[in-house]
N, C-alpha and C. Protein backbone atom coordinates (compact mmCIF):
# COMPACT_ATOMS: atom_id res chain seq x y z
N MET A 1 -5.12 -1.48 -2.87
CA MET A 1 -5.03 -0.77 -4.13
C MET A 1 -4.77 -1.77 -5.25
N ILE A 2 -5.44 -1.53 -6.39
CA ILE A 2 -5.21 -2.37 -7.57
C ILE A 2 -4.44 -1.58 -8.61
N VAL A 3 -3.38 -2.16 -9.13
CA VAL A 3 -2.64 -1.55 -10.24
C VAL A 3 -2.79 -2.49 -11.43
N ASP A 4 -3.70 -2.14 -12.33
CA ASP A 4 -4.03 -2.99 -13.47
C ASP A 4 -4.65 -2.12 -14.55
N ASP A 5 -4.21 -2.30 -15.79
CA ASP A 5 -4.71 -1.42 -16.87
C ASP A 5 -6.04 -1.89 -17.45
N HIS A 6 -6.55 -3.02 -16.99
CA HIS A 6 -7.83 -3.50 -17.49
C HIS A 6 -8.94 -3.12 -16.50
N ALA A 7 -9.80 -2.22 -16.92
CA ALA A 7 -10.85 -1.72 -16.04
C ALA A 7 -11.77 -2.83 -15.55
N ILE A 8 -11.99 -3.83 -16.41
CA ILE A 8 -12.91 -4.91 -16.05
C ILE A 8 -12.37 -5.75 -14.90
N VAL A 9 -11.02 -5.85 -14.81
CA VAL A 9 -10.41 -6.60 -13.71
C VAL A 9 -10.64 -5.86 -12.40
N GLY A 10 -10.33 -4.56 -12.41
CA GLY A 10 -10.53 -3.77 -11.21
C GLY A 10 -11.98 -3.72 -10.79
N GLY A 11 -12.88 -3.53 -11.77
CA GLY A 11 -14.30 -3.48 -11.45
C GLY A 11 -14.82 -4.80 -10.92
N GLY A 12 -14.36 -5.89 -11.53
CA GLY A 12 -14.79 -7.22 -11.08
C GLY A 12 -14.32 -7.52 -9.67
N LEU A 13 -13.06 -7.18 -9.39
CA LEU A 13 -12.54 -7.42 -8.04
C LEU A 13 -13.25 -6.55 -7.00
N LYS A 14 -13.53 -5.31 -7.40
CA LYS A 14 -14.20 -4.39 -6.48
C LYS A 14 -15.58 -4.93 -6.09
N GLN A 15 -16.31 -5.43 -7.09
CA GLN A 15 -17.64 -5.98 -6.83
C GLN A 15 -17.54 -7.26 -6.01
N PHE A 16 -16.58 -8.12 -6.38
CA PHE A 16 -16.41 -9.40 -5.68
C PHE A 16 -16.09 -9.18 -4.21
N LEU A 17 -15.11 -8.32 -3.94
CA LEU A 17 -14.70 -8.08 -2.55
C LEU A 17 -15.77 -7.33 -1.78
N GLY A 18 -16.53 -6.48 -2.49
CA GLY A 18 -17.63 -5.78 -1.84
C GLY A 18 -18.71 -6.74 -1.38
N ASN A 19 -18.97 -7.76 -2.19
CA ASN A 19 -19.97 -8.77 -1.83
C ASN A 19 -19.49 -9.65 -0.68
N VAL A 20 -18.19 -9.94 -0.66
CA VAL A 20 -17.63 -10.78 0.40
C VAL A 20 -17.64 -10.04 1.73
N GLY A 21 -17.26 -8.75 1.68
CA GLY A 21 -17.18 -7.94 2.89
C GLY A 21 -15.82 -8.06 3.56
N GLY A 22 -15.48 -7.03 4.31
CA GLY A 22 -14.22 -7.04 5.05
C GLY A 22 -13.06 -6.40 4.31
N PHE A 23 -13.27 -6.08 3.03
CA PHE A 23 -12.22 -5.46 2.24
C PHE A 23 -12.77 -4.27 1.48
N GLU A 24 -11.92 -3.31 1.23
CA GLU A 24 -12.32 -2.16 0.42
C GLU A 24 -11.19 -1.83 -0.55
N ILE A 25 -11.52 -1.74 -1.84
CA ILE A 25 -10.55 -1.28 -2.82
C ILE A 25 -10.62 0.24 -2.82
N ALA A 26 -9.63 0.86 -2.20
CA ALA A 26 -9.66 2.31 -1.98
C ALA A 26 -8.90 3.08 -3.06
N GLY A 27 -8.25 2.36 -3.96
CA GLY A 27 -7.52 3.04 -5.02
C GLY A 27 -7.29 2.13 -6.21
N GLN A 28 -7.39 2.70 -7.40
CA GLN A 28 -7.13 1.95 -8.63
C GLN A 28 -6.23 2.76 -9.54
N ALA A 29 -5.16 2.15 -10.04
CA ALA A 29 -4.23 2.80 -10.95
C ALA A 29 -4.18 1.99 -12.23
N ARG A 30 -4.08 2.68 -13.36
CA ARG A 30 -4.08 2.01 -14.66
C ARG A 30 -2.68 1.86 -15.24
N THR A 31 -1.70 2.55 -14.67
CA THR A 31 -0.32 2.47 -15.14
C THR A 31 0.63 2.29 -13.96
N GLY A 32 1.86 1.90 -14.27
CA GLY A 32 2.85 1.76 -13.22
C GLY A 32 3.16 3.09 -12.54
N ALA A 33 3.26 4.16 -13.34
CA ALA A 33 3.56 5.48 -12.79
C ALA A 33 2.46 5.95 -11.84
N GLU A 34 1.20 5.71 -12.24
CA GLU A 34 0.08 6.09 -11.37
C GLU A 34 0.13 5.30 -10.06
N GLY A 35 0.44 4.02 -10.18
CA GLY A 35 0.52 3.18 -8.99
C GLY A 35 1.59 3.65 -8.03
N LEU A 36 2.76 3.96 -8.57
CA LEU A 36 3.87 4.42 -7.72
C LEU A 36 3.52 5.74 -7.04
N ALA A 37 2.83 6.63 -7.77
CA ALA A 37 2.43 7.91 -7.18
C ALA A 37 1.40 7.69 -6.07
N MET A 38 0.45 6.79 -6.30
CA MET A 38 -0.60 6.54 -5.31
C MET A 38 -0.05 5.88 -4.05
N VAL A 39 0.96 5.04 -4.21
CA VAL A 39 1.56 4.38 -3.05
C VAL A 39 2.07 5.41 -2.05
N GLU A 40 2.57 6.53 -2.58
CA GLU A 40 3.16 7.55 -1.72
C GLU A 40 2.11 8.47 -1.08
N THR A 41 0.85 8.37 -1.52
CA THR A 41 -0.15 9.34 -1.06
C THR A 41 -1.02 8.84 0.08
N GLY A 42 -0.89 7.59 0.43
CA GLY A 42 -1.76 7.08 1.49
C GLY A 42 -1.17 5.86 2.17
N LYS A 43 -1.89 5.37 3.17
CA LYS A 43 -1.46 4.18 3.90
C LYS A 43 -2.27 3.01 3.40
N TRP A 44 -1.62 2.10 2.71
CA TRP A 44 -2.30 0.96 2.10
C TRP A 44 -2.00 -0.32 2.88
N ASP A 45 -2.96 -1.23 2.87
CA ASP A 45 -2.75 -2.53 3.53
C ASP A 45 -2.20 -3.57 2.55
N LEU A 46 -2.52 -3.39 1.26
CA LEU A 46 -2.11 -4.37 0.26
C LEU A 46 -2.19 -3.75 -1.13
N VAL A 47 -1.24 -4.12 -1.98
CA VAL A 47 -1.29 -3.73 -3.39
C VAL A 47 -1.43 -4.99 -4.24
N LEU A 48 -2.45 -5.00 -5.10
CA LEU A 48 -2.62 -6.06 -6.10
C LEU A 48 -2.02 -5.53 -7.40
N LEU A 49 -0.97 -6.17 -7.87
CA LEU A 49 -0.19 -5.61 -8.97
C LEU A 49 -0.14 -6.53 -10.18
N ASP A 50 -0.51 -5.98 -11.35
CA ASP A 50 -0.38 -6.71 -12.60
C ASP A 50 1.05 -6.55 -13.13
N ILE A 51 1.49 -7.46 -13.98
CA ILE A 51 2.83 -7.36 -14.58
C ILE A 51 2.76 -6.63 -15.92
N GLY A 52 1.74 -6.92 -16.71
CA GLY A 52 1.65 -6.36 -18.06
C GLY A 52 1.04 -4.98 -18.09
N LEU A 53 1.75 -3.97 -17.57
CA LEU A 53 1.24 -2.60 -17.57
C LEU A 53 1.71 -1.87 -18.83
N PRO A 54 0.97 -0.84 -19.25
CA PRO A 54 1.30 -0.18 -20.53
C PRO A 54 2.58 0.63 -20.52
N ASP A 55 2.98 1.16 -19.35
CA ASP A 55 4.15 2.04 -19.32
C ASP A 55 5.38 1.42 -18.70
N MET A 56 5.19 0.50 -17.79
CA MET A 56 6.32 -0.10 -17.07
C MET A 56 6.07 -1.58 -16.88
N ASN A 57 7.17 -2.33 -16.76
CA ASN A 57 7.05 -3.73 -16.39
C ASN A 57 6.64 -3.81 -14.92
N GLY A 58 5.65 -4.63 -14.61
CA GLY A 58 5.16 -4.71 -13.25
C GLY A 58 6.22 -5.13 -12.24
N ILE A 59 7.18 -5.92 -12.67
CA ILE A 59 8.26 -6.32 -11.76
C ILE A 59 9.08 -5.11 -11.34
N GLU A 60 9.28 -4.18 -12.27
CA GLU A 60 10.01 -2.96 -11.94
C GLU A 60 9.20 -2.08 -11.00
N VAL A 61 7.88 -2.04 -11.21
CA VAL A 61 7.01 -1.30 -10.29
C VAL A 61 7.12 -1.91 -8.89
N LEU A 62 7.10 -3.23 -8.83
CA LEU A 62 7.25 -3.94 -7.56
C LEU A 62 8.54 -3.56 -6.85
N LYS A 63 9.64 -3.56 -7.59
CA LYS A 63 10.94 -3.23 -6.99
C LYS A 63 10.94 -1.81 -6.43
N GLN A 64 10.33 -0.88 -7.18
CA GLN A 64 10.32 0.50 -6.71
C GLN A 64 9.41 0.68 -5.50
N ILE A 65 8.30 -0.06 -5.47
CA ILE A 65 7.43 0.00 -4.29
C ILE A 65 8.19 -0.51 -3.06
N LYS A 66 8.92 -1.60 -3.23
CA LYS A 66 9.63 -2.18 -2.09
C LYS A 66 10.80 -1.31 -1.63
N ARG A 67 11.35 -0.50 -2.55
CA ARG A 67 12.40 0.42 -2.14
C ARG A 67 11.85 1.51 -1.24
N SER A 68 10.69 2.04 -1.60
CA SER A 68 10.13 3.17 -0.84
C SER A 68 9.25 2.72 0.32
N GLN A 69 8.59 1.55 0.17
CA GLN A 69 7.69 1.05 1.22
C GLN A 69 7.99 -0.43 1.45
N PRO A 70 9.12 -0.74 2.07
CA PRO A 70 9.53 -2.15 2.20
C PRO A 70 8.55 -3.03 2.97
N ASP A 71 7.73 -2.44 3.83
CA ASP A 71 6.80 -3.24 4.64
C ASP A 71 5.42 -3.37 4.00
N LEU A 72 5.20 -2.75 2.84
CA LEU A 72 3.90 -2.82 2.17
C LEU A 72 3.78 -4.13 1.39
N PRO A 73 2.82 -5.00 1.73
CA PRO A 73 2.67 -6.26 1.00
C PRO A 73 2.19 -6.02 -0.44
N VAL A 74 2.83 -6.68 -1.38
CA VAL A 74 2.45 -6.58 -2.79
C VAL A 74 2.17 -7.99 -3.31
N LEU A 75 0.93 -8.20 -3.74
CA LEU A 75 0.52 -9.49 -4.30
C LEU A 75 0.43 -9.35 -5.81
N VAL A 76 1.27 -10.08 -6.53
CA VAL A 76 1.25 -10.01 -7.99
C VAL A 76 0.08 -10.84 -8.50
N PHE A 77 -0.74 -10.22 -9.32
CA PHE A 77 -1.98 -10.82 -9.84
C PHE A 77 -1.91 -10.70 -11.36
N SER A 78 -1.51 -11.78 -12.03
CA SER A 78 -1.12 -11.64 -13.43
C SER A 78 -1.68 -12.74 -14.33
N MET A 79 -1.81 -12.38 -15.62
CA MET A 79 -2.22 -13.37 -16.61
C MET A 79 -1.06 -14.27 -17.03
N TYR A 80 0.16 -13.86 -16.68
CA TYR A 80 1.32 -14.67 -17.04
C TYR A 80 1.39 -15.92 -16.16
N ALA A 81 1.82 -17.02 -16.75
CA ALA A 81 1.92 -18.28 -16.02
C ALA A 81 2.95 -18.17 -14.90
N GLU A 82 2.71 -18.94 -13.86
CA GLU A 82 3.64 -18.93 -12.72
C GLU A 82 5.06 -19.29 -13.14
N ASP A 83 5.19 -20.20 -14.09
CA ASP A 83 6.52 -20.61 -14.53
C ASP A 83 7.31 -19.44 -15.12
N ASP A 84 6.60 -18.44 -15.67
CA ASP A 84 7.27 -17.34 -16.35
C ASP A 84 7.81 -16.29 -15.39
N TYR A 85 7.02 -15.94 -14.37
CA TYR A 85 7.40 -14.78 -13.56
C TYR A 85 7.37 -14.99 -12.05
N ALA A 86 6.89 -16.12 -11.56
CA ALA A 86 6.71 -16.28 -10.11
C ALA A 86 8.01 -16.09 -9.34
N MET A 87 9.07 -16.77 -9.75
CA MET A 87 10.33 -16.65 -9.01
C MET A 87 10.88 -15.23 -9.07
N THR A 88 10.77 -14.60 -10.24
CA THR A 88 11.25 -13.23 -10.38
C THR A 88 10.48 -12.30 -9.44
N ALA A 89 9.15 -12.48 -9.38
CA ALA A 89 8.33 -11.63 -8.51
C ALA A 89 8.65 -11.86 -7.04
N LEU A 90 8.79 -13.11 -6.64
CA LEU A 90 9.08 -13.42 -5.24
C LEU A 90 10.44 -12.88 -4.83
N GLU A 91 11.42 -13.03 -5.70
CA GLU A 91 12.76 -12.52 -5.39
C GLU A 91 12.78 -10.99 -5.33
N ALA A 92 11.87 -10.36 -6.06
CA ALA A 92 11.80 -8.89 -6.06
C ALA A 92 11.03 -8.35 -4.85
N GLY A 93 10.44 -9.25 -4.06
CA GLY A 93 9.78 -8.81 -2.83
C GLY A 93 8.29 -9.03 -2.76
N ALA A 94 7.69 -9.67 -3.78
CA ALA A 94 6.25 -9.93 -3.74
C ALA A 94 5.92 -10.88 -2.60
N ILE A 95 4.76 -10.66 -1.98
CA ILE A 95 4.35 -11.55 -0.89
C ILE A 95 3.67 -12.80 -1.44
N GLY A 96 3.34 -12.77 -2.73
CA GLY A 96 2.73 -13.92 -3.37
C GLY A 96 2.53 -13.68 -4.85
N TYR A 97 2.18 -14.75 -5.55
CA TYR A 97 1.94 -14.67 -7.01
C TYR A 97 0.66 -15.42 -7.31
N LEU A 98 -0.27 -14.70 -7.94
CA LEU A 98 -1.59 -15.26 -8.18
C LEU A 98 -1.94 -15.16 -9.66
N PRO A 99 -2.15 -16.29 -10.34
CA PRO A 99 -2.58 -16.22 -11.74
C PRO A 99 -4.03 -15.75 -11.85
N LYS A 100 -4.34 -14.98 -12.90
CA LYS A 100 -5.68 -14.41 -13.05
C LYS A 100 -6.74 -15.47 -13.36
N ASP A 101 -6.32 -16.65 -13.79
CA ASP A 101 -7.31 -17.68 -14.10
C ASP A 101 -7.66 -18.56 -12.90
N CYS A 102 -7.24 -18.14 -11.71
CA CYS A 102 -7.55 -18.94 -10.52
C CYS A 102 -9.00 -18.69 -10.10
N SER A 103 -9.48 -19.48 -9.17
CA SER A 103 -10.87 -19.40 -8.73
C SER A 103 -11.07 -18.21 -7.78
N PRO A 104 -12.31 -17.72 -7.68
CA PRO A 104 -12.60 -16.63 -6.72
C PRO A 104 -12.21 -17.00 -5.29
N GLU A 105 -12.40 -18.26 -4.93
CA GLU A 105 -12.06 -18.71 -3.58
C GLU A 105 -10.56 -18.55 -3.32
N GLU A 106 -9.75 -18.89 -4.37
CA GLU A 106 -8.30 -18.77 -4.21
C GLU A 106 -7.86 -17.31 -4.12
N ILE A 107 -8.53 -16.44 -4.90
CA ILE A 107 -8.24 -15.01 -4.83
C ILE A 107 -8.48 -14.50 -3.40
N LEU A 108 -9.59 -14.92 -2.82
CA LEU A 108 -9.94 -14.47 -1.47
C LEU A 108 -8.93 -14.96 -0.44
N VAL A 109 -8.55 -16.23 -0.55
CA VAL A 109 -7.54 -16.78 0.37
C VAL A 109 -6.24 -16.01 0.25
N ALA A 110 -5.82 -15.74 -1.00
CA ALA A 110 -4.55 -15.04 -1.24
C ALA A 110 -4.59 -13.63 -0.66
N ILE A 111 -5.69 -12.91 -0.88
CA ILE A 111 -5.80 -11.54 -0.38
C ILE A 111 -5.82 -11.53 1.15
N ARG A 112 -6.54 -12.47 1.75
CA ARG A 112 -6.60 -12.53 3.22
C ARG A 112 -5.22 -12.79 3.82
N ARG A 113 -4.50 -13.73 3.23
CA ARG A 113 -3.17 -14.04 3.76
C ARG A 113 -2.20 -12.89 3.54
N ALA A 114 -2.21 -12.36 2.32
CA ALA A 114 -1.26 -11.29 1.99
C ALA A 114 -1.51 -10.04 2.82
N SER A 115 -2.80 -9.70 3.04
CA SER A 115 -3.11 -8.51 3.84
C SER A 115 -2.77 -8.72 5.31
N SER A 116 -2.60 -9.96 5.71
CA SER A 116 -2.15 -10.27 7.08
C SER A 116 -0.64 -10.48 7.13
N ASP A 117 0.02 -10.11 6.03
CA ASP A 117 1.48 -10.21 5.92
C ASP A 117 1.97 -11.65 5.93
N GLU A 118 1.14 -12.56 5.39
CA GLU A 118 1.54 -13.96 5.24
C GLU A 118 1.79 -14.24 3.76
N ARG A 119 2.88 -14.92 3.47
CA ARG A 119 3.19 -15.24 2.08
C ARG A 119 2.13 -16.18 1.51
N TYR A 120 1.76 -15.93 0.24
CA TYR A 120 0.79 -16.83 -0.41
C TYR A 120 1.41 -17.45 -1.66
N LEU A 121 1.35 -18.77 -1.69
CA LEU A 121 1.75 -19.52 -2.88
C LEU A 121 0.61 -20.45 -3.24
N SER A 122 0.25 -20.51 -4.51
CA SER A 122 -0.80 -21.44 -4.92
C SER A 122 -0.30 -22.86 -4.67
N PRO A 123 -1.22 -23.82 -4.47
CA PRO A 123 -0.78 -25.21 -4.27
C PRO A 123 0.13 -25.70 -5.39
N ASN A 124 -0.17 -25.32 -6.63
CA ASN A 124 0.64 -25.71 -7.77
C ASN A 124 2.04 -25.13 -7.69
N LEU A 125 2.13 -23.84 -7.33
CA LEU A 125 3.42 -23.18 -7.22
C LEU A 125 4.23 -23.74 -6.06
N ALA A 126 3.57 -23.97 -4.94
CA ALA A 126 4.26 -24.52 -3.76
C ALA A 126 4.86 -25.89 -4.08
N GLU A 127 4.10 -26.71 -4.80
CA GLU A 127 4.59 -28.04 -5.16
C GLU A 127 5.82 -27.94 -6.08
N LYS A 128 5.76 -27.01 -7.04
CA LYS A 128 6.90 -26.84 -7.95
C LYS A 128 8.14 -26.35 -7.22
N LEU A 129 7.94 -25.47 -6.25
CA LEU A 129 9.08 -24.98 -5.47
C LEU A 129 9.70 -26.10 -4.65
N LEU A 130 8.84 -26.94 -4.05
CA LEU A 130 9.33 -28.06 -3.25
C LEU A 130 10.09 -29.07 -4.11
N CYS A 131 9.61 -29.27 -5.33
CA CYS A 131 10.24 -30.24 -6.23
C CYS A 131 11.42 -29.66 -6.98
N GLY A 132 11.60 -28.35 -6.86
CA GLY A 132 12.70 -27.70 -7.59
C GLY A 132 12.49 -27.68 -9.08
N SER A 133 11.22 -27.73 -9.52
CA SER A 133 10.95 -27.79 -10.95
C SER A 133 10.58 -26.43 -11.56
N LEU A 134 10.62 -25.39 -10.72
CA LEU A 134 10.27 -24.06 -11.23
C LEU A 134 11.51 -23.40 -11.83
N PRO A 135 11.38 -22.82 -13.02
CA PRO A 135 12.54 -22.15 -13.64
C PRO A 135 13.05 -21.03 -12.75
N THR A 136 14.36 -20.84 -12.74
CA THR A 136 14.94 -19.75 -11.96
C THR A 136 14.60 -18.42 -12.61
N SER A 137 14.65 -17.36 -11.81
CA SER A 137 14.30 -16.04 -12.34
C SER A 137 15.35 -15.60 -13.35
N ARG A 138 14.87 -14.78 -14.30
CA ARG A 138 15.75 -14.30 -15.36
C ARG A 138 16.35 -12.97 -14.95
N LYS A 139 17.66 -12.96 -14.75
CA LYS A 139 18.34 -11.75 -14.33
C LYS A 139 18.65 -10.88 -15.55
N LEU A 140 18.42 -9.58 -15.41
CA LEU A 140 18.72 -8.63 -16.46
C LEU A 140 19.82 -7.69 -15.96
N PRO A 141 20.56 -7.06 -16.87
CA PRO A 141 21.68 -6.19 -16.45
C PRO A 141 21.29 -5.15 -15.40
N HIS A 142 20.11 -4.53 -15.55
CA HIS A 142 19.76 -3.46 -14.60
C HIS A 142 19.44 -4.00 -13.20
N ASP A 143 19.28 -5.33 -13.05
CA ASP A 143 19.06 -5.89 -11.72
C ASP A 143 20.30 -5.71 -10.84
N ALA A 144 21.45 -5.49 -11.47
CA ALA A 144 22.70 -5.32 -10.72
C ALA A 144 22.89 -3.88 -10.25
N LEU A 145 22.03 -2.96 -10.67
CA LEU A 145 22.18 -1.56 -10.29
C LEU A 145 21.71 -1.33 -8.85
N SER A 146 22.41 -0.44 -8.15
CA SER A 146 21.93 -0.02 -6.84
C SER A 146 20.75 0.93 -7.03
N ALA A 147 20.05 1.23 -5.95
CA ALA A 147 18.90 2.14 -6.05
C ALA A 147 19.33 3.50 -6.59
N ARG A 148 20.46 4.01 -6.14
CA ARG A 148 20.94 5.31 -6.62
C ARG A 148 21.34 5.25 -8.09
N GLU A 149 22.00 4.18 -8.47
CA GLU A 149 22.38 4.02 -9.89
C GLU A 149 21.13 3.94 -10.77
N PHE A 150 20.11 3.28 -10.26
CA PHE A 150 18.86 3.17 -11.02
C PHE A 150 18.24 4.55 -11.22
N ASP A 151 18.25 5.37 -10.16
CA ASP A 151 17.70 6.73 -10.25
C ASP A 151 18.46 7.54 -11.30
N VAL A 152 19.78 7.44 -11.27
CA VAL A 152 20.60 8.17 -12.24
C VAL A 152 20.31 7.69 -13.66
N MET A 153 20.18 6.37 -13.83
CA MET A 153 19.87 5.82 -15.15
C MET A 153 18.56 6.40 -15.68
N GLN A 154 17.53 6.45 -14.85
CA GLN A 154 16.25 6.96 -15.30
C GLN A 154 16.32 8.43 -15.70
N MET A 155 17.03 9.20 -14.92
CA MET A 155 17.17 10.63 -15.25
C MET A 155 17.97 10.84 -16.53
N LEU A 156 19.02 10.07 -16.69
CA LEU A 156 19.82 10.16 -17.92
C LEU A 156 18.97 9.78 -19.13
N SER A 157 18.10 8.79 -18.95
CA SER A 157 17.26 8.35 -20.07
C SER A 157 16.29 9.44 -20.51
N ARG A 158 15.98 10.36 -19.60
CA ARG A 158 15.09 11.47 -19.94
C ARG A 158 15.85 12.68 -20.48
N GLY A 159 17.17 12.54 -20.56
CA GLY A 159 17.98 13.64 -21.08
C GLY A 159 18.31 14.70 -20.04
N THR A 160 18.15 14.36 -18.77
CA THR A 160 18.45 15.33 -17.70
C THR A 160 19.97 15.55 -17.61
N PRO A 161 20.43 16.81 -17.63
CA PRO A 161 21.87 17.09 -17.53
C PRO A 161 22.44 16.64 -16.18
N LEU A 162 23.73 16.31 -16.18
CA LEU A 162 24.38 15.83 -14.96
C LEU A 162 24.25 16.82 -13.80
N VAL A 163 24.40 18.11 -14.11
CA VAL A 163 24.32 19.13 -13.05
C VAL A 163 22.94 19.13 -12.40
N GLU A 164 21.90 18.99 -13.23
CA GLU A 164 20.54 18.96 -12.70
C GLU A 164 20.29 17.69 -11.90
N ILE A 165 20.82 16.57 -12.38
CA ILE A 165 20.70 15.31 -11.62
C ILE A 165 21.35 15.48 -10.25
N ALA A 166 22.53 16.10 -10.24
CA ALA A 166 23.24 16.32 -8.98
C ALA A 166 22.41 17.15 -8.02
N GLU A 167 21.75 18.18 -8.53
CA GLU A 167 20.93 19.03 -7.67
C GLU A 167 19.73 18.26 -7.12
N ARG A 168 19.09 17.50 -7.97
CA ARG A 168 17.90 16.75 -7.53
C ARG A 168 18.24 15.71 -6.48
N LEU A 169 19.38 15.05 -6.66
CA LEU A 169 19.76 13.96 -5.74
C LEU A 169 20.66 14.44 -4.61
N HIS A 170 20.92 15.76 -4.57
CA HIS A 170 21.78 16.34 -3.53
C HIS A 170 23.17 15.70 -3.52
N LEU A 171 23.73 15.57 -4.72
CA LEU A 171 25.06 15.01 -4.89
C LEU A 171 25.92 16.00 -5.67
N SER A 172 27.22 15.74 -5.68
CA SER A 172 28.10 16.56 -6.51
C SER A 172 28.06 16.04 -7.94
N PRO A 173 28.30 16.91 -8.94
CA PRO A 173 28.33 16.45 -10.33
C PRO A 173 29.36 15.34 -10.54
N LYS A 174 30.46 15.41 -9.80
CA LYS A 174 31.50 14.38 -9.93
C LYS A 174 30.96 13.01 -9.48
N THR A 175 30.20 13.01 -8.40
CA THR A 175 29.62 11.76 -7.91
C THR A 175 28.62 11.20 -8.92
N VAL A 176 27.82 12.08 -9.51
CA VAL A 176 26.86 11.64 -10.52
C VAL A 176 27.58 11.05 -11.72
N SER A 177 28.70 11.66 -12.10
CA SER A 177 29.50 11.13 -13.21
C SER A 177 30.00 9.73 -12.89
N THR A 178 30.35 9.50 -11.63
CA THR A 178 30.79 8.17 -11.20
C THR A 178 29.65 7.17 -11.32
N TYR A 179 28.45 7.59 -10.87
CA TYR A 179 27.28 6.70 -11.00
C TYR A 179 26.99 6.41 -12.47
N ARG A 180 27.10 7.43 -13.31
CA ARG A 180 26.85 7.25 -14.73
C ARG A 180 27.81 6.21 -15.32
N ALA A 181 29.08 6.30 -14.93
CA ALA A 181 30.08 5.36 -15.42
C ALA A 181 29.76 3.93 -14.98
N ARG A 182 29.28 3.79 -13.74
CA ARG A 182 28.91 2.45 -13.24
C ARG A 182 27.72 1.90 -14.00
N VAL A 183 26.74 2.77 -14.28
CA VAL A 183 25.56 2.34 -15.04
C VAL A 183 25.99 1.86 -16.42
N MET A 184 26.82 2.65 -17.08
CA MET A 184 27.30 2.28 -18.41
C MET A 184 28.02 0.93 -18.39
N GLU A 185 28.84 0.75 -17.38
CA GLU A 185 29.62 -0.49 -17.29
C GLU A 185 28.71 -1.70 -17.03
N LYS A 186 27.79 -1.56 -16.09
CA LYS A 186 26.93 -2.69 -15.73
C LYS A 186 25.96 -3.06 -16.85
N LEU A 187 25.53 -2.05 -17.61
CA LEU A 187 24.59 -2.31 -18.70
C LEU A 187 25.28 -2.58 -20.02
N GLY A 188 26.61 -2.38 -20.06
CA GLY A 188 27.36 -2.61 -21.29
C GLY A 188 27.02 -1.61 -22.37
N LEU A 189 26.84 -0.34 -21.99
CA LEU A 189 26.44 0.70 -22.92
C LEU A 189 27.55 1.75 -23.08
N GLN A 190 27.39 2.58 -24.11
CA GLN A 190 28.43 3.56 -24.41
C GLN A 190 27.95 5.01 -24.27
N HIS A 191 26.70 5.27 -24.65
CA HIS A 191 26.22 6.64 -24.72
C HIS A 191 24.89 6.79 -23.99
N ASN A 192 24.52 8.05 -23.69
CA ASN A 192 23.25 8.31 -23.02
C ASN A 192 22.06 7.86 -23.86
N THR A 193 22.19 7.97 -25.18
CA THR A 193 21.10 7.51 -26.05
C THR A 193 20.89 6.01 -25.92
N ASP A 194 21.97 5.28 -25.64
CA ASP A 194 21.85 3.83 -25.41
C ASP A 194 21.04 3.56 -24.14
N ILE A 195 21.22 4.41 -23.14
CA ILE A 195 20.46 4.26 -21.89
C ILE A 195 18.98 4.47 -22.16
N THR A 196 18.66 5.50 -22.96
CA THR A 196 17.25 5.76 -23.29
C THR A 196 16.63 4.56 -23.98
N ARG A 197 17.35 3.99 -24.94
CA ARG A 197 16.83 2.81 -25.65
C ARG A 197 16.63 1.64 -24.68
N TYR A 198 17.59 1.45 -23.79
CA TYR A 198 17.52 0.34 -22.83
C TYR A 198 16.29 0.49 -21.93
N VAL A 199 16.08 1.70 -21.40
CA VAL A 199 14.95 1.96 -20.51
C VAL A 199 13.62 1.71 -21.23
N LEU A 200 13.53 2.17 -22.47
CA LEU A 200 12.31 1.97 -23.26
C LEU A 200 12.09 0.49 -23.57
N LYS A 201 13.16 -0.20 -23.94
CA LYS A 201 13.06 -1.62 -24.30
C LYS A 201 12.53 -2.46 -23.14
N HIS A 202 13.02 -2.16 -21.94
CA HIS A 202 12.66 -2.99 -20.78
C HIS A 202 11.51 -2.38 -19.96
N LYS A 203 10.90 -1.31 -20.50
CA LYS A 203 9.74 -0.68 -19.85
C LYS A 203 10.03 -0.37 -18.39
N LEU A 204 11.12 0.35 -18.17
CA LEU A 204 11.53 0.70 -16.81
C LEU A 204 10.96 2.03 -16.36
N GLY A 205 10.19 2.67 -17.24
CA GLY A 205 9.52 3.91 -16.87
C GLY A 205 10.39 5.12 -17.11
N GLN A 206 9.81 6.13 -17.70
CA GLN A 206 10.53 7.39 -17.93
C GLN A 206 9.78 8.55 -17.31
């Protein structure tokens, strides 16, 4: 499955892999939300994921995929330079990081390895990792949230009442209040409106 908002990328990859043979692009999503929904609807061998999606940051999409499908390989395929996001993507669970300006041969090697559950690093990225010259990943406040705290944060950002959150997550309202307090503390926020702004700013999906 390809998660990329540029139709020409998906179409080009579909044609390229069709000509090579042995692979089929069985699903294409244009947004992070579409990608997350599609992940749950079928059995996929590999997800090719862009970072610059219109509704969500691709790294956040990656984290959510790995929460629900920890064994599903996700290969990040991005226009952003490896120095900017490679470490962040790998730490979030990506099986590899592939810049969009790489050669067709490298794309094929990466897809073959990733679909066989083998980590893929470009020669350039591997050398930087060995030399320790790659910048460390940039940690953000929401990276410290647990999966449950993240769910509560997203619901609060949509204006969902605590009682309704409790019903959806099968928790008591008191427990949800505790999660809300932890979210506020970890993000350094004061009000629910601050949570909404934070979610929108970091494209965490609503």
